Amino acid sequence: MLRLHKVIFLLDTVGIGVYTIPGVQKSLQYGVNPFAAIILGMISAVFGGVIRDTLINEIPLIFQKEIYATACMAGAVVFVLLDFYGIKTDWNALGCVLLIIIVRLIAVKYRLSLPKIDL
């Protein structure tokens, strides 16, 4: 069972990387503001997981302490910056997908999370 959990985690991690960058790319192709493109890329990646978790009656990962959307945002921001400076899109996309995957894997391995803000 633990092995299956690791496989699902890895596939989910690859999935958020693979869905973030095309969301950002499409947004930029349609002339969307870069900030909005970053948000749209995050939404395209994260809400697939929200739907999955809702269907299996679990709390979505985005509402837990894990670094999930933040990894997507990091990759999307780097993609937009490198795109602005004219880096070839294929290499940029591949590098940013890998960045998202690596950030997520490191965050889970070392149990990193964002600080909780008490209002």
N, C-alpha and C. Protein backbone atom coordinates (compact mmCIF):
# COMPACT_ATOMS: atom_id res chain seq x y z
N MET A 1 0.82 -1.20 0.00
CA MET A 1 0.00 0.00 0.00
C MET A 1 0.87 1.27 0.00
N LEU A 2 1.97 1.24 0.78
CA LEU A 2 2.87 2.38 0.82
C LEU A 2 3.50 2.63 -0.55
N ARG A 3 3.83 1.55 -1.24
CA ARG A 3 4.43 1.67 -2.57
C ARG A 3 3.45 2.33 -3.55
N LEU A 4 2.17 1.95 -3.49
CA LEU A 4 1.15 2.55 -4.34
C LEU A 4 1.01 4.04 -4.02
N HIS A 5 1.06 4.38 -2.74
CA HIS A 5 0.96 5.79 -2.33
C HIS A 5 2.12 6.60 -2.92
N LYS A 6 3.33 6.04 -2.93
CA LYS A 6 4.49 6.73 -3.49
C LYS A 6 4.35 6.93 -4.99
N VAL A 7 3.83 5.92 -5.67
CA VAL A 7 3.63 6.03 -7.12
C VAL A 7 2.60 7.11 -7.44
N ILE A 8 1.50 7.12 -6.70
CA ILE A 8 0.47 8.13 -6.93
C ILE A 8 1.01 9.52 -6.63
N PHE A 9 1.79 9.65 -5.55
CA PHE A 9 2.41 10.93 -5.22
C PHE A 9 3.32 11.40 -6.36
N LEU A 10 4.15 10.51 -6.86
CA LEU A 10 5.07 10.87 -7.93
C LEU A 10 4.32 11.27 -9.21
N LEU A 11 3.29 10.53 -9.55
CA LEU A 11 2.49 10.87 -10.74
C LEU A 11 1.78 12.21 -10.56
N ASP A 12 1.29 12.47 -9.36
CA ASP A 12 0.64 13.74 -9.08
C ASP A 12 1.65 14.89 -9.20
N THR A 13 2.84 14.67 -8.70
CA THR A 13 3.89 15.69 -8.77
C THR A 13 4.27 15.98 -10.22
N VAL A 14 4.43 14.95 -11.01
CA VAL A 14 4.73 15.15 -12.44
C VAL A 14 3.54 15.85 -13.12
N GLY A 15 2.33 15.47 -12.73
CA GLY A 15 1.14 16.07 -13.32
C GLY A 15 1.03 17.56 -13.09
N ILE A 16 1.33 18.01 -11.87
CA ILE A 16 1.23 19.46 -11.64
C ILE A 16 2.28 20.22 -12.44
N GLY A 17 3.44 19.60 -12.63
CA GLY A 17 4.46 20.24 -13.45
C GLY A 17 4.05 20.30 -14.91
N VAL A 18 3.49 19.21 -15.39
CA VAL A 18 3.11 19.11 -16.80
C VAL A 18 1.90 19.99 -17.13
N TYR A 19 1.03 20.24 -16.17
CA TYR A 19 -0.15 21.06 -16.45
C TYR A 19 0.07 22.55 -16.17
N THR A 20 1.02 22.89 -15.32
CA THR A 20 1.26 24.31 -15.03
C THR A 20 1.81 25.04 -16.24
N ILE A 21 2.86 24.51 -16.82
CA ILE A 21 3.57 25.23 -17.87
C ILE A 21 2.73 25.42 -19.14
N PRO A 22 2.02 24.40 -19.64
CA PRO A 22 1.16 24.67 -20.81
C PRO A 22 0.07 25.70 -20.52
N GLY A 23 -0.43 25.73 -19.27
CA GLY A 23 -1.41 26.75 -18.91
C GLY A 23 -0.81 28.15 -19.01
N VAL A 24 0.41 28.30 -18.56
CA VAL A 24 1.09 29.60 -18.65
C VAL A 24 1.39 29.93 -20.12
N GLN A 25 1.86 28.94 -20.87
CA GLN A 25 2.18 29.16 -22.28
C GLN A 25 0.95 29.64 -23.06
N LYS A 26 -0.15 28.94 -22.91
CA LYS A 26 -1.38 29.31 -23.63
C LYS A 26 -1.84 30.70 -23.27
N SER A 27 -1.76 31.00 -21.98
CA SER A 27 -2.18 32.33 -21.52
C SER A 27 -1.33 33.42 -22.17
N LEU A 28 -0.02 33.21 -22.18
CA LEU A 28 0.87 34.20 -22.78
C LEU A 28 0.64 34.32 -24.29
N GLN A 29 0.32 33.20 -24.95
CA GLN A 29 0.05 33.24 -26.40
C GLN A 29 -1.17 34.09 -26.71
N TYR A 30 -2.13 34.12 -25.79
CA TYR A 30 -3.34 34.92 -26.00
C TYR A 30 -3.18 36.35 -25.48
N GLY A 31 -1.97 36.73 -25.10
CA GLY A 31 -1.71 38.10 -24.71
C GLY A 31 -2.15 38.47 -23.30
N VAL A 32 -2.30 37.47 -22.45
CA VAL A 32 -2.71 37.73 -21.08
C VAL A 32 -1.53 38.33 -20.32
N ASN A 33 -1.84 39.20 -19.38
CA ASN A 33 -0.84 39.79 -18.49
C ASN A 33 -0.01 38.67 -17.85
N PRO A 34 1.31 38.80 -17.74
CA PRO A 34 2.15 37.73 -17.17
C PRO A 34 1.72 37.30 -15.76
N PHE A 35 1.30 38.24 -14.92
CA PHE A 35 0.84 37.87 -13.59
C PHE A 35 -0.40 36.97 -13.67
N ALA A 36 -1.33 37.34 -14.53
CA ALA A 36 -2.54 36.53 -14.72
C ALA A 36 -2.19 35.17 -15.33
N ALA A 37 -1.19 35.14 -16.21
CA ALA A 37 -0.77 33.87 -16.82
C ALA A 37 -0.22 32.92 -15.76
N ILE A 38 0.51 33.46 -14.78
CA ILE A 38 1.03 32.63 -13.69
C ILE A 38 -0.13 32.03 -12.90
N ILE A 39 -1.11 32.85 -12.58
CA ILE A 39 -2.28 32.38 -11.83
C ILE A 39 -3.05 31.33 -12.63
N LEU A 40 -3.23 31.56 -13.92
CA LEU A 40 -3.96 30.61 -14.76
C LEU A 40 -3.21 29.28 -14.87
N GLY A 41 -1.89 29.34 -14.95
CA GLY A 41 -1.09 28.12 -14.98
C GLY A 41 -1.25 27.33 -13.69
N MET A 42 -1.23 28.04 -12.56
CA MET A 42 -1.43 27.36 -11.26
C MET A 42 -2.81 26.72 -11.18
N ILE A 43 -3.81 27.46 -11.61
CA ILE A 43 -5.18 26.94 -11.55
C ILE A 43 -5.33 25.71 -12.43
N SER A 44 -4.75 25.74 -13.62
CA SER A 44 -4.88 24.58 -14.52
C SER A 44 -4.25 23.33 -13.92
N ALA A 45 -3.22 23.50 -13.11
CA ALA A 45 -2.55 22.34 -12.49
C ALA A 45 -3.24 21.92 -11.21
N VAL A 46 -3.54 22.85 -10.36
CA VAL A 46 -4.00 22.54 -9.00
C VAL A 46 -5.44 22.02 -8.97
N PHE A 47 -6.30 22.56 -9.82
CA PHE A 47 -7.70 22.17 -9.71
C PHE A 47 -7.99 20.76 -10.20
N GLY A 48 -7.10 20.19 -10.97
CA GLY A 48 -7.24 18.76 -11.29
C GLY A 48 -7.12 17.93 -10.02
N GLY A 49 -6.16 18.28 -9.18
CA GLY A 49 -6.00 17.59 -7.90
C GLY A 49 -7.15 17.85 -6.95
N VAL A 50 -7.70 19.05 -6.98
CA VAL A 50 -8.85 19.37 -6.13
C VAL A 50 -10.04 18.51 -6.52
N ILE A 51 -10.27 18.39 -7.81
CA ILE A 51 -11.38 17.55 -8.29
C ILE A 51 -11.15 16.09 -7.89
N ARG A 52 -9.92 15.60 -8.10
CA ARG A 52 -9.60 14.23 -7.72
C ARG A 52 -9.85 13.98 -6.23
N ASP A 53 -9.33 14.86 -5.39
CA ASP A 53 -9.48 14.67 -3.95
C ASP A 53 -10.93 14.79 -3.51
N THR A 54 -11.68 15.66 -4.15
CA THR A 54 -13.10 15.81 -3.82
C THR A 54 -13.86 14.54 -4.19
N LEU A 55 -13.54 13.97 -5.34
CA LEU A 55 -14.24 12.76 -5.77
C LEU A 55 -13.94 11.56 -4.88
N ILE A 56 -12.75 11.50 -4.29
CA ILE A 56 -12.44 10.38 -3.41
C ILE A 56 -12.66 10.73 -1.94
N ASN A 57 -13.33 11.87 -1.71
CA ASN A 57 -13.76 12.28 -0.38
C ASN A 57 -12.58 12.52 0.57
N GLU A 58 -11.56 13.22 0.08
CA GLU A 58 -10.42 13.62 0.90
C GLU A 58 -10.29 15.14 0.86
N ILE A 59 -9.58 15.68 1.85
CA ILE A 59 -9.31 17.11 1.86
C ILE A 59 -8.29 17.40 0.76
N PRO A 60 -8.60 18.33 -0.16
CA PRO A 60 -7.66 18.63 -1.24
C PRO A 60 -6.31 19.09 -0.71
N LEU A 61 -5.24 18.69 -1.40
CA LEU A 61 -3.88 19.02 -0.97
C LEU A 61 -3.64 20.52 -0.88
N ILE A 62 -4.32 21.28 -1.70
CA ILE A 62 -4.11 22.73 -1.69
C ILE A 62 -4.56 23.34 -0.36
N PHE A 63 -5.45 22.66 0.36
CA PHE A 63 -5.93 23.16 1.65
C PHE A 63 -5.16 22.57 2.82
N GLN A 64 -4.11 21.84 2.56
CA GLN A 64 -3.29 21.26 3.61
C GLN A 64 -1.97 22.03 3.70
N LYS A 65 -1.10 21.61 4.59
CA LYS A 65 0.15 22.33 4.82
C LYS A 65 1.20 22.08 3.75
N GLU A 66 1.01 21.11 2.89
CA GLU A 66 2.04 20.76 1.91
C GLU A 66 2.26 21.88 0.90
N ILE A 67 3.49 21.95 0.41
CA ILE A 67 3.81 22.90 -0.67
C ILE A 67 3.33 22.26 -1.97
N TYR A 68 2.28 22.82 -2.53
CA TYR A 68 1.64 22.25 -3.71
C TYR A 68 1.50 23.35 -4.76
N ALA A 69 0.66 24.32 -4.48
CA ALA A 69 0.49 25.43 -5.43
C ALA A 69 1.73 26.31 -5.47
N THR A 70 2.47 26.37 -4.39
CA THR A 70 3.69 27.18 -4.35
C THR A 70 4.73 26.66 -5.33
N ALA A 71 4.82 25.35 -5.46
CA ALA A 71 5.75 24.76 -6.43
C ALA A 71 5.33 25.14 -7.85
N CYS A 72 4.02 25.12 -8.09
CA CYS A 72 3.51 25.52 -9.41
C CYS A 72 3.82 26.99 -9.67
N MET A 73 3.63 27.81 -8.65
CA MET A 73 3.89 29.25 -8.81
C MET A 73 5.37 29.50 -9.10
N ALA A 74 6.25 28.79 -8.41
CA ALA A 74 7.69 28.97 -8.63
C ALA A 74 8.05 28.65 -10.08
N GLY A 75 7.56 27.52 -10.58
CA GLY A 75 7.85 27.14 -11.96
C GLY A 75 7.25 28.11 -12.96
N ALA A 76 6.03 28.59 -12.67
CA ALA A 76 5.37 29.53 -13.58
C ALA A 76 6.09 30.87 -13.62
N VAL A 77 6.54 31.35 -12.46
CA VAL A 77 7.26 32.62 -12.42
C VAL A 77 8.58 32.52 -13.19
N VAL A 78 9.31 31.43 -12.99
CA VAL A 78 10.57 31.25 -13.71
C VAL A 78 10.30 31.14 -15.21
N PHE A 79 9.24 30.45 -15.60
CA PHE A 79 8.91 30.33 -17.02
C PHE A 79 8.65 31.71 -17.63
N VAL A 80 7.84 32.53 -16.95
CA VAL A 80 7.52 33.86 -17.47
C VAL A 80 8.78 34.72 -17.57
N LEU A 81 9.63 34.67 -16.56
CA LEU A 81 10.86 35.46 -16.59
C LEU A 81 11.79 35.03 -17.73
N LEU A 82 11.97 33.71 -17.87
CA LEU A 82 12.85 33.23 -18.94
C LEU A 82 12.25 33.49 -20.32
N ASP A 83 10.93 33.42 -20.42
CA ASP A 83 10.26 33.74 -21.68
C ASP A 83 10.47 35.21 -22.04
N PHE A 84 10.40 36.06 -21.04
CA PHE A 84 10.62 37.50 -21.25
C PHE A 84 12.02 37.77 -21.78
N TYR A 85 12.99 37.01 -21.31
CA TYR A 85 14.37 37.19 -21.75
C TYR A 85 14.72 36.39 -23.00
N GLY A 86 13.72 35.76 -23.62
CA GLY A 86 13.90 35.13 -24.91
C GLY A 86 14.51 33.75 -24.91
N ILE A 87 14.47 33.05 -23.80
CA ILE A 87 14.97 31.67 -23.76
C ILE A 87 14.05 30.80 -24.61
N LYS A 88 14.64 29.89 -25.37
CA LYS A 88 13.87 29.01 -26.24
C LYS A 88 12.77 28.29 -25.44
N THR A 89 11.57 28.29 -25.96
CA THR A 89 10.40 27.80 -25.23
C THR A 89 10.52 26.33 -24.83
N ASP A 90 11.05 25.48 -25.69
CA ASP A 90 11.13 24.05 -25.36
C ASP A 90 12.01 23.81 -24.13
N TRP A 91 13.18 24.44 -24.12
CA TRP A 91 14.10 24.27 -22.98
C TRP A 91 13.53 24.93 -21.73
N ASN A 92 12.91 26.06 -21.92
CA ASN A 92 12.30 26.78 -20.81
C ASN A 92 11.21 25.93 -20.17
N ALA A 93 10.34 25.37 -20.99
CA ALA A 93 9.24 24.54 -20.47
C ALA A 93 9.77 23.31 -19.75
N LEU A 94 10.72 22.63 -20.36
CA LEU A 94 11.29 21.43 -19.73
C LEU A 94 11.94 21.76 -18.39
N GLY A 95 12.73 22.82 -18.37
CA GLY A 95 13.40 23.22 -17.14
C GLY A 95 12.43 23.60 -16.05
N CYS A 96 11.37 24.29 -16.41
CA CYS A 96 10.39 24.73 -15.41
C CYS A 96 9.54 23.57 -14.90
N VAL A 97 9.21 22.62 -15.76
CA VAL A 97 8.51 21.41 -15.29
C VAL A 97 9.39 20.66 -14.29
N LEU A 98 10.67 20.53 -14.62
CA LEU A 98 11.60 19.87 -13.70
C LEU A 98 11.73 20.66 -12.40
N LEU A 99 11.74 21.97 -12.47
CA LEU A 99 11.81 22.80 -11.27
C LEU A 99 10.62 22.53 -10.36
N ILE A 100 9.42 22.47 -10.93
CA ILE A 100 8.22 22.21 -10.14
C ILE A 100 8.32 20.84 -9.47
N ILE A 101 8.73 19.85 -10.22
CA ILE A 101 8.85 18.49 -9.68
C ILE A 101 9.88 18.47 -8.55
N ILE A 102 11.02 19.09 -8.75
CA ILE A 102 12.07 19.07 -7.74
C ILE A 102 11.65 19.83 -6.48
N VAL A 103 11.01 20.99 -6.64
CA VAL A 103 10.55 21.75 -5.47
C VAL A 103 9.56 20.92 -4.65
N ARG A 104 8.64 20.28 -5.33
CA ARG A 104 7.63 19.47 -4.63
C ARG A 104 8.27 18.27 -3.94
N LEU A 105 9.17 17.57 -4.62
CA LEU A 105 9.83 16.41 -4.02
C LEU A 105 10.67 16.80 -2.80
N ILE A 106 11.42 17.89 -2.91
CA ILE A 106 12.24 18.34 -1.77
C ILE A 106 11.35 18.77 -0.61
N ALA A 107 10.27 19.48 -0.92
CA ALA A 107 9.37 19.94 0.15
C ALA A 107 8.76 18.77 0.91
N VAL A 108 8.38 17.72 0.20
CA VAL A 108 7.77 16.58 0.88
C VAL A 108 8.83 15.76 1.62
N LYS A 109 9.99 15.58 0.99
CA LYS A 109 11.04 14.79 1.63
C LYS A 109 11.49 15.40 2.95
N TYR A 110 11.67 16.72 2.96
CA TYR A 110 12.15 17.40 4.16
C TYR A 110 11.02 18.02 4.99
N ARG A 111 9.78 17.69 4.64
CA ARG A 111 8.59 18.17 5.37
C ARG A 111 8.57 19.69 5.49
N LEU A 112 8.86 20.34 4.40
CA LEU A 112 8.82 21.80 4.38
C LEU A 112 7.39 22.27 4.13
N SER A 113 7.03 23.35 4.74
CA SER A 113 5.71 23.93 4.51
C SER A 113 5.80 25.43 4.73
N LEU A 114 4.83 26.13 4.24
CA LEU A 114 4.78 27.57 4.44
C LEU A 114 4.30 27.84 5.86
N PRO A 115 4.72 28.96 6.44
CA PRO A 115 4.27 29.27 7.81
C PRO A 115 2.79 29.57 7.86
N LYS A 116 2.18 29.21 8.95
CA LYS A 116 0.75 29.47 9.14
C LYS A 116 0.60 30.90 9.65
N ILE A 117 -0.33 31.63 9.09
CA ILE A 117 -0.57 33.01 9.49
C ILE A 117 -1.85 33.04 10.32
N ASP A 118 -1.72 33.50 11.54
CA ASP A 118 -2.89 33.65 12.41
C ASP A 118 -3.42 35.06 12.27
N LEU A 119 -4.68 35.14 11.97
CA LEU A 119 -5.29 36.46 11.82
C LEU A 119 -5.99 36.89 13.08
